[in-house]
Structures are given as C-alpha cells and as structure tokens.
C-alpha cells in the first residue's frame, strides 16, 4: 500500500522545466507506443478475421507487405500465415500492456519499454522508426532524471 505522500510524489511532481520536459517526453513515448502496438493489434486481428493484412493500394509498394515480412521470412515464418498473424496480435497486446505499466510508473516499466522497443526493431518501416524514437527518448528521459 502506498501512503498519500508517496502517491503524491510519484504522480504529482513539482512543476519545473526539468519535470515538464520529462513528462512531455513520456507522453510522446506513450503516444508512439500506442500507435505502433495498437496498429499491430488492429492489423493482426483484421488479418485473422479477413485473411489479409492492410496493404498499400497505390504507389510503388501497392499490394505488398512491409519490409518486416522479409525479416520474418528469413527466419522461416510465413508472413501471411496464421501463426504470424497471432504473433502480431500478441506482440501488440504485450506492447500495450508494457505501455500501460509505463504510464502507471511501474518500477520495471522503463526497462521493459526499452527492451521491448529494441526487440520491436524488426517491424520495419514505421514500427522501426517509432521504436528508434522511443529508445532515444527513453534514454534521454533517464539521463534527465
């Protein structure tokens, strides 16, 4: 059980430029994580329900899966198979759970976010960019503390 004083310190830090910067960085991390992992849950669930992922309809990559499909193919996983679709959903749900723990200031969540984003670098292109930005911001926020 957390006493009231400890609760106030954990969730309502005194206003300062440093604390404001840390909170701003934290909310950017949360936004990027929710978009990235939420899309994985959505796309994987949709693929399980309809049989296919969301693909570009026009342009140079029309009808193709993202570069992540080549990464998983090299380790022997069929990117269009049911196991990969389930992996997408479970990976996204795990990412959202860790993000929620990070939002709640769980003591293990910062490290879990860092490790999970490093492990998510395979989800190229947008997922990789999101993870790289989150990794950088996690490190910056830790240095500011």
Protein backbone atom coordinates (compact mmCIF):
# COMPACT_ATOMS: atom_id res chain seq x y z
CA UNK A 1 0.00 0.00 0.00
CA UNK A 2 1.31 3.43 -0.92
CA UNK A 3 0.89 6.23 1.60
CA UNK A 4 -0.58 9.52 0.43
CA UNK A 5 2.73 11.41 0.48
CA UNK A 6 4.47 8.77 -1.66
CA UNK A 7 1.48 8.72 -4.05
CA UNK A 8 1.63 12.48 -4.49
CA UNK A 9 5.35 12.39 -5.20
CA UNK A 10 5.03 9.59 -7.76
CA UNK A 11 2.16 11.13 -9.70
CA UNK A 12 2.27 14.85 -8.98
CA UNK A 13 5.86 16.02 -9.15
CA UNK A 14 6.59 19.70 -8.52
CA UNK A 15 6.38 21.83 -11.64
CA UNK A 16 9.77 22.64 -13.11
CA UNK A 17 11.26 22.80 -16.59
CA UNK A 18 13.05 19.50 -15.98
CA UNK A 19 9.91 17.70 -14.76
CA UNK A 20 7.82 19.24 -17.53
CA UNK A 21 10.35 18.09 -20.13
CA UNK A 22 10.40 14.58 -18.69
CA UNK A 23 6.58 14.41 -18.72
CA UNK A 24 6.43 15.75 -22.28
CA UNK A 25 8.92 13.10 -23.40
CA UNK A 26 6.96 10.43 -21.54
CA UNK A 27 3.72 11.37 -23.33
CA UNK A 28 5.45 11.29 -26.72
CA UNK A 29 6.75 7.80 -25.90
CA UNK A 30 3.25 6.71 -24.84
CA UNK A 31 1.66 8.15 -27.99
CA UNK A 32 4.18 6.45 -30.29
CA UNK A 33 3.84 3.15 -28.43
CA UNK A 34 0.04 3.18 -28.52
CA UNK A 35 0.04 3.98 -32.25
CA UNK A 36 2.66 1.33 -33.05
CA UNK A 37 1.43 -1.52 -30.85
CA UNK A 38 -2.23 -0.60 -31.30
CA UNK A 39 -1.83 -0.82 -35.07
CA UNK A 40 -0.18 -4.23 -34.69
CA UNK A 41 -3.19 -5.48 -32.70
CA UNK A 42 -5.60 -3.97 -35.23
CA UNK A 43 -3.76 -5.22 -38.32
CA UNK A 44 -3.15 -8.69 -36.88
CA UNK A 45 -6.78 -9.02 -35.72
CA UNK A 46 -8.04 -7.81 -39.07
CA UNK A 47 -5.74 -10.28 -40.84
CA UNK A 48 -7.08 -13.12 -38.69
CA UNK A 49 -10.67 -12.08 -39.43
CA UNK A 50 -10.35 -11.30 -43.16
CA UNK A 51 -7.32 -13.35 -44.14
CA UNK A 52 -5.04 -10.45 -45.08
CA UNK A 53 -3.17 -7.51 -43.61
CA UNK A 54 -3.72 -3.90 -44.61
CA UNK A 55 -1.62 -3.21 -47.70
CA UNK A 56 -0.98 -0.07 -49.75
CA UNK A 57 -3.47 0.24 -52.61
CA UNK A 58 -1.37 2.52 -54.79
CA UNK A 59 2.21 3.54 -55.32
CA UNK A 60 5.48 1.70 -55.62
CA UNK A 61 4.60 -0.82 -52.89
CA UNK A 62 0.95 -1.40 -53.85
CA UNK A 63 -0.32 -4.78 -52.71
CA UNK A 64 2.89 -5.65 -50.84
CA UNK A 65 3.53 -6.31 -47.19
CA UNK A 66 6.09 -4.13 -45.43
CA UNK A 67 9.79 -4.92 -45.13
CA UNK A 68 9.07 -6.77 -41.87
CA UNK A 69 7.74 -9.64 -44.00
CA UNK A 70 11.22 -10.25 -45.42
CA UNK A 71 12.71 -10.23 -41.91
CA UNK A 72 10.32 -12.89 -40.63
CA UNK A 73 10.65 -14.93 -43.84
CA UNK A 74 14.41 -15.21 -43.31
CA UNK A 75 13.82 -17.00 -40.00
CA UNK A 76 11.29 -19.36 -41.57
CA UNK A 77 7.98 -17.76 -40.60
CA UNK A 78 5.38 -17.32 -43.33
CA UNK A 79 4.37 -13.64 -43.03
CA UNK A 80 0.89 -14.42 -44.35
CA UNK A 81 0.34 -17.48 -42.16
CA UNK A 82 -1.93 -17.65 -39.15
CA UNK A 83 0.98 -18.02 -36.68
CA UNK A 84 2.42 -14.67 -37.80
CA UNK A 85 -0.97 -13.01 -37.52
CA UNK A 86 -1.29 -14.33 -33.97
CA UNK A 87 2.26 -13.12 -33.21
CA UNK A 88 1.23 -9.66 -34.45
CA UNK A 89 -1.76 -9.57 -32.11
CA UNK A 90 0.12 -10.94 -29.09
CA UNK A 91 3.15 -8.69 -29.71
CA UNK A 92 0.89 -5.65 -29.96
CA UNK A 93 -1.02 -6.60 -26.79
CA UNK A 94 2.24 -7.13 -24.90
CA UNK A 95 3.45 -3.72 -26.10
CA UNK A 96 0.21 -2.06 -24.99
CA UNK A 97 0.43 -3.75 -21.58
CA UNK A 98 4.01 -2.53 -21.09
CA UNK A 99 2.96 0.94 -22.25
CA UNK A 100 0.15 0.97 -19.67
CA UNK A 101 2.62 -0.05 -16.97
CA UNK A 102 4.93 2.76 -18.13
CA UNK A 103 2.01 5.19 -17.87
CA UNK A 104 1.36 3.93 -14.33
CA UNK A 105 5.04 4.44 -13.33
CA UNK A 106 5.61 0.78 -12.50
CA UNK A 107 9.23 0.35 -11.36
CA UNK A 108 10.01 -2.23 -14.06
CA UNK A 109 8.24 -0.46 -16.94
CA UNK A 110 11.03 1.87 -18.16
CA UNK A 111 13.39 -1.06 -18.65
CA UNK A 112 10.62 -3.19 -20.20
CA UNK A 113 9.79 -0.38 -22.66
CA UNK A 114 13.44 -0.13 -23.66
CA UNK A 115 13.89 -3.89 -24.14
CA UNK A 116 10.55 -4.30 -25.94
CA UNK A 117 11.30 -1.44 -28.33
CA UNK A 118 14.72 -2.89 -29.10
CA UNK A 119 13.01 -6.23 -29.76
CA UNK A 120 10.45 -4.42 -31.99
CA UNK A 121 13.03 -3.05 -34.42
CA UNK A 122 12.15 -5.90 -36.85
CA UNK A 123 8.77 -4.28 -37.56
CA UNK A 124 10.13 -2.17 -40.41
CA UNK A 125 9.47 0.74 -41.53
CA UNK A 126 7.06 2.74 -39.39
CA UNK A 127 7.47 0.39 -36.43
CA UNK A 128 11.25 0.66 -36.65
CA UNK A 129 11.13 4.46 -36.79
CA UNK A 130 8.71 4.55 -33.86
CA UNK A 131 10.89 2.18 -31.83
CA UNK A 132 14.10 4.11 -32.59
CA UNK A 133 12.48 7.38 -31.49
CA UNK A 134 11.10 5.73 -28.33
CA UNK A 135 14.51 4.21 -27.49
CA UNK A 136 16.18 7.61 -27.89
CA UNK A 137 13.53 9.36 -25.79
CA UNK A 138 13.67 6.69 -23.09
CA UNK A 139 17.43 7.16 -22.80
CA UNK A 140 17.11 10.96 -22.81
CA UNK A 141 14.42 10.85 -20.11
CA UNK A 142 16.61 8.59 -17.96
CA UNK A 143 19.57 10.99 -18.35
CA UNK A 144 17.36 13.92 -17.28
CA UNK A 145 16.31 12.25 -14.02
